[in-house]
């Protein structure tokens, strides 16, 4: 909060904001909610249309198949995605060899690790993508 006669500070972070006093309660609430959404988005990966995965300031390019695997896992970030759902998302209308998904998951695991993400195998259920700080909470919530 900045007094009416003071020059406001220059924000140095996307999670930094200011409001001039006197501040209306509704204005402050909107600003706080916006900052909360920005903070939440900072902990979610993003995949560009060009196949570049970004997470917490890091980026890694993906092949088209790798991008489809990641996209399917991101749609349910922190939750288990079945092998069947992954296969249908990556190869719609096709029936690849069982080994194909395993090979691509192995490659994608290495790629997403470069930006700080993990893909975990949930025995008998499928795969789960998460971030190290989320892993314990997400596995407990979804397991």
N, C-alpha and C. Protein backbone atom coordinates (compact mmCIF):
# COMPACT_ATOMS: atom_id res chain seq x y z
N UNK A 1 0.85 -1.16 0.00
CA UNK A 1 0.00 0.00 0.00
C UNK A 1 0.90 1.22 0.00
N UNK A 2 0.55 2.15 -0.86
CA UNK A 2 1.37 3.35 -1.04
C UNK A 2 0.54 4.58 -0.71
N UNK A 3 1.12 5.46 0.10
CA UNK A 3 0.41 6.71 0.44
C UNK A 3 0.16 7.52 -0.83
N UNK A 4 -0.86 8.33 -0.80
CA UNK A 4 -1.29 9.10 -1.97
C UNK A 4 -0.19 10.01 -2.51
N UNK A 5 0.69 10.51 -1.66
CA UNK A 5 1.72 11.47 -2.10
C UNK A 5 3.09 10.83 -2.35
N UNK A 6 3.17 9.51 -2.38
CA UNK A 6 4.45 8.81 -2.56
C UNK A 6 4.52 8.21 -3.96
N UNK A 7 5.70 8.24 -4.55
CA UNK A 7 5.91 7.62 -5.86
C UNK A 7 5.86 6.10 -5.66
N UNK A 8 5.04 5.41 -6.45
CA UNK A 8 4.93 3.95 -6.26
C UNK A 8 6.22 3.24 -6.66
N UNK A 9 6.49 2.10 -6.02
CA UNK A 9 7.69 1.35 -6.35
C UNK A 9 7.56 0.68 -7.72
N UNK A 10 8.69 0.41 -8.33
CA UNK A 10 8.72 -0.31 -9.60
C UNK A 10 8.70 -1.81 -9.28
N UNK A 11 7.64 -2.54 -9.67
CA UNK A 11 7.61 -3.98 -9.37
C UNK A 11 8.77 -4.70 -10.04
N UNK A 12 9.38 -5.63 -9.29
CA UNK A 12 10.50 -6.40 -9.82
C UNK A 12 10.12 -7.86 -10.03
N UNK A 13 8.89 -8.21 -9.71
CA UNK A 13 8.42 -9.59 -9.78
C UNK A 13 6.96 -9.58 -10.21
N UNK A 14 6.55 -10.59 -10.97
CA UNK A 14 5.15 -10.65 -11.41
C UNK A 14 4.20 -10.90 -10.25
N UNK A 15 4.72 -11.29 -9.09
CA UNK A 15 3.88 -11.51 -7.92
C UNK A 15 3.94 -10.33 -6.95
N UNK A 16 4.38 -9.20 -7.45
CA UNK A 16 4.46 -7.99 -6.65
C UNK A 16 3.45 -6.99 -7.20
N UNK A 17 2.78 -6.29 -6.31
CA UNK A 17 1.78 -5.30 -6.73
C UNK A 17 1.69 -4.23 -5.66
N UNK A 18 1.06 -3.14 -5.98
CA UNK A 18 0.85 -2.07 -5.03
C UNK A 18 -0.51 -1.44 -5.29
N UNK A 19 -1.02 -0.75 -4.29
CA UNK A 19 -2.27 -0.01 -4.42
C UNK A 19 -2.12 1.29 -3.63
N UNK A 20 -2.69 2.35 -4.17
CA UNK A 20 -2.57 3.66 -3.55
C UNK A 20 -3.66 3.83 -2.48
N UNK A 21 -3.27 4.38 -1.33
CA UNK A 21 -4.20 4.65 -0.24
C UNK A 21 -4.91 5.97 -0.48
N UNK A 22 -6.12 6.11 -0.08
CA UNK A 22 -6.95 5.09 0.54
C UNK A 22 -7.42 4.08 -0.51
N UNK A 23 -7.41 2.82 -0.13
CA UNK A 23 -7.76 1.74 -1.05
C UNK A 23 -9.12 1.18 -0.69
N UNK A 24 -9.92 1.01 -1.71
CA UNK A 24 -11.23 0.40 -1.54
C UNK A 24 -11.03 -1.10 -1.28
N UNK A 25 -11.77 -1.66 -0.36
CA UNK A 25 -11.66 -3.08 0.01
C UNK A 25 -11.84 -3.99 -1.21
N UNK A 26 -12.78 -3.68 -2.07
CA UNK A 26 -13.04 -4.51 -3.26
C UNK A 26 -11.83 -4.47 -4.21
N UNK A 27 -11.21 -3.30 -4.38
CA UNK A 27 -10.03 -3.19 -5.24
C UNK A 27 -8.87 -4.03 -4.70
N UNK A 28 -8.67 -3.97 -3.40
CA UNK A 28 -7.59 -4.75 -2.78
C UNK A 28 -7.87 -6.24 -2.96
N UNK A 29 -9.11 -6.68 -2.76
CA UNK A 29 -9.47 -8.09 -2.90
C UNK A 29 -9.21 -8.57 -4.33
N UNK A 30 -9.56 -7.77 -5.33
CA UNK A 30 -9.34 -8.15 -6.73
C UNK A 30 -7.84 -8.30 -7.00
N UNK A 31 -7.05 -7.37 -6.48
CA UNK A 31 -5.60 -7.44 -6.70
C UNK A 31 -4.99 -8.67 -6.02
N UNK A 32 -5.44 -8.97 -4.81
CA UNK A 32 -4.94 -10.15 -4.09
C UNK A 32 -5.33 -11.42 -4.85
N UNK A 33 -6.56 -11.50 -5.32
CA UNK A 33 -7.02 -12.67 -6.09
C UNK A 33 -6.21 -12.84 -7.37
N UNK A 34 -5.91 -11.74 -8.05
CA UNK A 34 -5.11 -11.79 -9.28
C UNK A 34 -3.71 -12.30 -8.98
N UNK A 35 -3.10 -11.82 -7.91
CA UNK A 35 -1.77 -12.30 -7.53
C UNK A 35 -1.81 -13.78 -7.17
N UNK A 36 -2.87 -14.23 -6.52
CA UNK A 36 -2.99 -15.65 -6.16
C UNK A 36 -3.07 -16.51 -7.43
N UNK A 37 -3.81 -16.04 -8.44
CA UNK A 37 -3.90 -16.79 -9.71
C UNK A 37 -2.53 -16.82 -10.41
N UNK A 38 -1.81 -15.73 -10.38
CA UNK A 38 -0.47 -15.70 -10.98
C UNK A 38 0.46 -16.69 -10.27
N UNK A 39 0.38 -16.71 -8.95
CA UNK A 39 1.22 -17.63 -8.18
C UNK A 39 0.87 -19.08 -8.51
N UNK A 40 -0.39 -19.40 -8.64
CA UNK A 40 -0.82 -20.76 -9.00
C UNK A 40 -0.34 -21.11 -10.39
N UNK A 41 -0.45 -20.19 -11.34
CA UNK A 41 -0.01 -20.45 -12.71
C UNK A 41 1.49 -20.68 -12.77
N UNK A 42 2.23 -20.07 -11.87
CA UNK A 42 3.68 -20.23 -11.85
C UNK A 42 4.08 -21.67 -11.53
N UNK A 43 3.19 -22.41 -10.88
CA UNK A 43 3.48 -23.79 -10.50
C UNK A 43 2.87 -24.80 -11.46
N UNK A 44 2.40 -24.35 -12.60
CA UNK A 44 1.84 -25.23 -13.61
C UNK A 44 2.69 -25.13 -14.87
N UNK A 45 2.95 -26.26 -15.51
CA UNK A 45 3.70 -26.21 -16.77
C UNK A 45 2.85 -25.64 -17.89
N UNK A 46 3.50 -25.13 -18.92
CA UNK A 46 2.82 -24.61 -20.10
C UNK A 46 3.49 -25.21 -21.34
N UNK A 47 2.67 -25.56 -22.32
CA UNK A 47 3.15 -26.13 -23.56
C UNK A 47 2.72 -25.23 -24.70
N UNK A 48 3.68 -24.70 -25.45
CA UNK A 48 3.35 -23.81 -26.57
C UNK A 48 2.89 -24.62 -27.77
N UNK A 49 2.27 -23.94 -28.72
CA UNK A 49 1.82 -24.62 -29.95
C UNK A 49 3.00 -25.12 -30.77
N UNK A 50 4.20 -24.60 -30.51
CA UNK A 50 5.41 -25.04 -31.21
C UNK A 50 6.04 -26.24 -30.52
N UNK A 51 5.46 -26.70 -29.40
CA UNK A 51 5.99 -27.86 -28.70
C UNK A 51 7.10 -27.55 -27.72
N UNK A 52 7.11 -26.34 -27.18
CA UNK A 52 8.11 -25.97 -26.17
C UNK A 52 7.42 -26.02 -24.80
N UNK A 53 7.98 -26.86 -23.92
CA UNK A 53 7.47 -27.00 -22.56
C UNK A 53 8.18 -26.00 -21.67
N UNK A 54 7.40 -25.21 -20.91
CA UNK A 54 7.97 -24.22 -20.00
C UNK A 54 7.46 -24.49 -18.58
N UNK A 55 8.40 -24.38 -17.64
CA UNK A 55 8.03 -24.55 -16.24
C UNK A 55 9.05 -23.83 -15.38
N UNK A 56 8.56 -22.95 -14.52
CA UNK A 56 9.38 -22.20 -13.57
C UNK A 56 10.63 -21.60 -14.19
N UNK A 57 10.44 -20.93 -15.31
CA UNK A 57 11.53 -20.21 -15.95
C UNK A 57 12.43 -21.05 -16.84
N UNK A 58 12.20 -22.33 -16.93
CA UNK A 58 12.99 -23.22 -17.79
C UNK A 58 12.15 -23.62 -18.99
N UNK A 59 12.82 -24.02 -20.08
CA UNK A 59 12.12 -24.44 -21.29
C UNK A 59 12.87 -25.58 -21.96
N UNK A 60 12.09 -26.46 -22.61
CA UNK A 60 12.68 -27.57 -23.35
C UNK A 60 11.80 -27.85 -24.57
N UNK A 61 12.42 -27.97 -25.76
CA UNK A 61 11.63 -28.30 -26.96
C UNK A 61 11.30 -29.80 -26.97
N UNK A 62 10.10 -30.12 -27.47
CA UNK A 62 9.65 -31.50 -27.55
C UNK A 62 9.33 -31.87 -28.99
N UNK A 63 9.50 -33.14 -29.32
CA UNK A 63 9.06 -33.63 -30.63
C UNK A 63 7.53 -33.63 -30.64
N UNK A 64 6.90 -33.75 -31.82
CA UNK A 64 5.44 -33.78 -31.85
C UNK A 64 4.83 -34.89 -30.99
N UNK A 65 5.39 -36.08 -31.02
CA UNK A 65 4.84 -37.17 -30.20
C UNK A 65 5.07 -36.87 -28.71
N UNK A 66 6.25 -36.39 -28.36
CA UNK A 66 6.51 -36.04 -26.96
C UNK A 66 5.54 -34.96 -26.49
N UNK A 67 5.27 -33.99 -27.34
CA UNK A 67 4.35 -32.91 -26.98
C UNK A 67 2.95 -33.46 -26.73
N UNK A 68 2.50 -34.44 -27.53
CA UNK A 68 1.17 -35.02 -27.31
C UNK A 68 1.12 -35.80 -26.00
N UNK A 69 2.21 -36.49 -25.64
CA UNK A 69 2.26 -37.18 -24.36
C UNK A 69 2.17 -36.16 -23.22
N UNK A 70 2.98 -35.13 -23.30
CA UNK A 70 3.00 -34.10 -22.26
C UNK A 70 1.65 -33.40 -22.17
N UNK A 71 1.06 -33.07 -23.30
CA UNK A 71 -0.24 -32.40 -23.29
C UNK A 71 -1.29 -33.25 -22.57
N UNK A 72 -1.31 -34.54 -22.85
CA UNK A 72 -2.28 -35.43 -22.20
C UNK A 72 -2.04 -35.48 -20.69
N UNK A 73 -0.79 -35.52 -20.28
CA UNK A 73 -0.48 -35.55 -18.85
C UNK A 73 -0.77 -34.21 -18.18
N UNK A 74 -0.53 -33.11 -18.90
CA UNK A 74 -0.79 -31.78 -18.34
C UNK A 74 -2.27 -31.53 -18.11
N UNK A 75 -3.12 -32.10 -18.96
CA UNK A 75 -4.57 -31.89 -18.79
C UNK A 75 -5.05 -32.39 -17.44
N UNK A 76 -4.33 -33.37 -16.89
CA UNK A 76 -4.67 -33.91 -15.58
C UNK A 76 -3.46 -33.81 -14.66
N UNK A 77 -2.79 -32.67 -14.71
CA UNK A 77 -1.56 -32.46 -13.94
C UNK A 77 -1.79 -32.83 -12.48
N UNK A 78 -0.91 -33.70 -11.97
CA UNK A 78 -1.03 -34.13 -10.58
C UNK A 78 -1.99 -35.28 -10.37
N UNK A 79 -2.61 -35.77 -11.44
CA UNK A 79 -3.54 -36.89 -11.35
C UNK A 79 -3.09 -38.00 -12.30
N UNK A 80 -3.57 -39.19 -12.05
CA UNK A 80 -3.18 -40.34 -12.87
C UNK A 80 -3.93 -40.32 -14.21
N UNK A 81 -3.18 -40.59 -15.28
CA UNK A 81 -3.74 -40.74 -16.63
C UNK A 81 -3.49 -42.20 -17.03
N UNK A 82 -4.53 -42.90 -17.41
CA UNK A 82 -4.39 -44.32 -17.74
C UNK A 82 -3.58 -44.49 -19.02
N UNK A 83 -2.98 -45.67 -19.17
CA UNK A 83 -2.26 -46.01 -20.40
C UNK A 83 -3.19 -45.87 -21.59
N UNK A 84 -4.42 -46.35 -21.46
CA UNK A 84 -5.38 -46.30 -22.56
C UNK A 84 -5.66 -44.85 -22.98
N UNK A 85 -5.91 -43.98 -22.00
CA UNK A 85 -6.17 -42.57 -22.31
C UNK A 85 -4.96 -41.92 -22.96
N UNK A 86 -3.76 -42.24 -22.47
CA UNK A 86 -2.55 -41.68 -23.07
C UNK A 86 -2.38 -42.16 -24.51
N UNK A 87 -2.57 -43.45 -24.73
CA UNK A 87 -2.42 -44.02 -26.07
C UNK A 87 -3.41 -43.37 -27.04
N UNK A 88 -4.66 -43.20 -26.60
CA UNK A 88 -5.67 -42.57 -27.46
C UNK A 88 -5.34 -41.11 -27.74
N UNK A 89 -4.77 -40.41 -26.77
CA UNK A 89 -4.41 -39.00 -26.97
C UNK A 89 -3.22 -38.85 -27.90
N UNK A 90 -2.27 -39.76 -27.81
CA UNK A 90 -1.03 -39.65 -28.60
C UNK A 90 -1.20 -40.20 -30.00
N UNK A 91 -1.93 -41.30 -30.13
CA UNK A 91 -2.15 -41.95 -31.44
C UNK A 91 -3.64 -42.16 -31.67
N UNK A 92 -4.40 -41.08 -31.89
CA UNK A 92 -5.85 -41.23 -32.05
C UNK A 92 -6.19 -42.09 -33.27
N UNK A 93 -7.06 -43.06 -33.05
CA UNK A 93 -7.50 -43.92 -34.14
C UNK A 93 -6.50 -44.95 -34.57
N UNK A 94 -5.37 -45.06 -33.90
CA UNK A 94 -4.34 -46.04 -34.25
C UNK A 94 -4.17 -47.01 -33.10
N UNK A 95 -3.51 -48.11 -33.38
CA UNK A 95 -3.19 -49.10 -32.34
C UNK A 95 -1.69 -49.38 -32.38
N UNK A 96 -0.89 -48.51 -31.74
CA UNK A 96 0.56 -48.72 -31.75
C UNK A 96 0.93 -49.95 -30.91
N UNK A 97 2.13 -50.42 -31.07
CA UNK A 97 2.62 -51.52 -30.25
C UNK A 97 2.63 -51.08 -28.79
N UNK A 98 2.40 -52.01 -27.88
CA UNK A 98 2.39 -51.70 -26.44
C UNK A 98 3.68 -51.00 -26.03
N UNK A 99 4.77 -51.46 -26.60
CA UNK A 99 6.08 -50.93 -26.30
C UNK A 99 6.22 -49.45 -26.69
N UNK A 100 5.46 -48.97 -27.67
CA UNK A 100 5.60 -47.60 -28.17
C UNK A 100 5.38 -46.58 -27.05
N UNK A 101 4.33 -46.76 -26.26
CA UNK A 101 4.08 -45.81 -25.18
C UNK A 101 5.21 -45.84 -24.16
N UNK A 102 5.68 -47.03 -23.82
CA UNK A 102 6.78 -47.16 -22.86
C UNK A 102 8.03 -46.41 -23.33
N UNK A 103 8.35 -46.57 -24.60
CA UNK A 103 9.53 -45.91 -25.18
C UNK A 103 9.37 -44.39 -25.09
N UNK A 104 8.20 -43.89 -25.45
CA UNK A 104 7.99 -42.44 -25.43
C UNK A 104 7.93 -41.89 -24.01
N UNK A 105 7.33 -42.62 -23.09
CA UNK A 105 7.31 -42.18 -21.69
C UNK A 105 8.74 -42.06 -21.17
N UNK A 106 9.58 -43.02 -21.50
CA UNK A 106 10.98 -42.99 -21.07
C UNK A 106 11.68 -41.74 -21.60
N UNK A 107 11.47 -41.44 -22.87
CA UNK A 107 12.08 -40.23 -23.46
C UNK A 107 11.53 -38.96 -22.84
N UNK A 108 10.20 -38.93 -22.66
CA UNK A 108 9.55 -37.73 -22.12
C UNK A 108 9.99 -37.50 -20.67
N UNK A 109 10.18 -38.56 -19.91
CA UNK A 109 10.66 -38.42 -18.53
C UNK A 109 11.96 -37.63 -18.50
N UNK A 110 12.88 -37.98 -19.38
CA UNK A 110 14.17 -37.27 -19.42
C UNK A 110 13.98 -35.82 -19.83
N UNK A 111 13.11 -35.58 -20.80
CA UNK A 111 12.90 -34.22 -21.30
C UNK A 111 12.27 -33.32 -20.22
N UNK A 112 11.22 -33.82 -19.56
CA UNK A 112 10.54 -32.97 -18.58
C UNK A 112 11.39 -32.76 -17.33
N UNK A 113 12.30 -33.70 -17.05
CA UNK A 113 13.21 -33.53 -15.91
C UNK A 113 14.09 -32.30 -16.10
N UNK A 114 14.35 -31.94 -17.35
CA UNK A 114 15.18 -30.77 -17.65
C UNK A 114 14.55 -29.47 -17.15
N UNK A 115 13.22 -29.45 -17.00
CA UNK A 115 12.53 -28.26 -16.50
C UNK A 115 12.01 -28.46 -15.08
N UNK A 116 12.37 -29.57 -14.45
CA UNK A 116 11.99 -29.79 -13.06
C UNK A 116 10.69 -30.52 -12.84
N UNK A 117 10.19 -31.23 -13.85
CA UNK A 117 8.96 -32.00 -13.70
C UNK A 117 9.28 -33.49 -13.62
N UNK A 118 8.34 -34.26 -13.09
CA UNK A 118 8.50 -35.71 -12.98
C UNK A 118 7.31 -36.40 -13.61
N UNK A 119 7.56 -37.57 -14.19
CA UNK A 119 6.47 -38.46 -14.61
C UNK A 119 6.66 -39.73 -13.80
N UNK A 120 5.64 -40.06 -13.05
CA UNK A 120 5.69 -41.23 -12.19
C UNK A 120 4.78 -42.33 -12.74
N UNK A 121 5.22 -43.56 -12.58
CA UNK A 121 4.39 -44.71 -12.93
C UNK A 121 3.56 -45.06 -11.71
N UNK A 122 2.26 -45.14 -11.88
CA UNK A 122 1.37 -45.58 -10.81
C UNK A 122 0.94 -46.98 -11.19
N UNK A 123 1.52 -47.94 -10.55
CA UNK A 123 1.38 -49.36 -10.89
C UNK A 123 -0.09 -49.76 -11.08
N UNK A 124 -0.36 -50.33 -12.25
CA UNK A 124 -1.69 -50.82 -12.55
C UNK A 124 -2.71 -49.74 -12.89
N UNK A 125 -2.30 -48.45 -12.86
CA UNK A 125 -3.25 -47.37 -13.14
C UNK A 125 -2.83 -46.48 -14.29
N UNK A 126 -1.54 -46.15 -14.39
CA UNK A 126 -1.10 -45.28 -15.47
C UNK A 126 0.08 -44.43 -15.06
N UNK A 127 0.04 -43.16 -15.49
CA UNK A 127 1.15 -42.24 -15.25
C UNK A 127 0.64 -40.94 -14.67
N UNK A 128 1.51 -40.27 -13.92
CA UNK A 128 1.17 -39.03 -13.26
C UNK A 128 2.32 -38.05 -13.46
N UNK A 129 2.02 -36.85 -13.91
CA UNK A 129 3.04 -35.80 -14.04
C UNK A 129 2.85 -34.82 -12.88
N UNK A 130 3.96 -34.50 -12.22
CA UNK A 130 3.90 -33.52 -11.15
C UNK A 130 5.24 -32.81 -11.02
N UNK A 131 5.27 -31.88 -10.09
CA UNK A 131 6.50 -31.18 -9.77
C UNK A 131 6.99 -31.72 -8.43
N UNK A 132 8.29 -31.74 -8.18
CA UNK A 132 8.80 -32.32 -6.94
C UNK A 132 8.12 -31.81 -5.69
N UNK A 133 7.83 -30.52 -5.61
CA UNK A 133 7.20 -29.99 -4.40
C UNK A 133 5.76 -30.45 -4.24
N UNK A 134 5.11 -30.87 -5.35
CA UNK A 134 3.72 -31.33 -5.29
C UNK A 134 3.61 -32.82 -5.07
N UNK A 135 4.67 -33.58 -5.31
CA UNK A 135 4.56 -35.03 -5.44
C UNK A 135 3.92 -35.72 -4.25
N UNK A 136 4.33 -35.43 -3.06
CA UNK A 136 3.76 -36.11 -1.90
C UNK A 136 2.30 -35.79 -1.72
N UNK A 137 1.93 -34.53 -1.86
CA UNK A 137 0.53 -34.13 -1.71
C UNK A 137 -0.34 -34.71 -2.80
N UNK A 138 0.14 -34.67 -4.05
CA UNK A 138 -0.67 -35.15 -5.16
C UNK A 138 -0.85 -36.65 -5.11
N UNK A 139 0.21 -37.40 -4.80
CA UNK A 139 0.08 -38.85 -4.74
C UNK A 139 -0.89 -39.24 -3.64
N UNK A 140 -0.85 -38.55 -2.52
CA UNK A 140 -1.77 -38.86 -1.44
C UNK A 140 -3.19 -38.54 -1.84
N UNK A 141 -3.39 -37.43 -2.54
CA UNK A 141 -4.73 -37.04 -2.97
C UNK A 141 -5.30 -37.94 -4.03
N UNK A 142 -4.43 -38.49 -4.88
CA UNK A 142 -4.92 -39.28 -6.00
C UNK A 142 -4.71 -40.78 -5.83
N UNK A 143 -4.01 -41.20 -4.81
CA UNK A 143 -3.68 -42.60 -4.65
C UNK A 143 -4.62 -43.31 -3.77
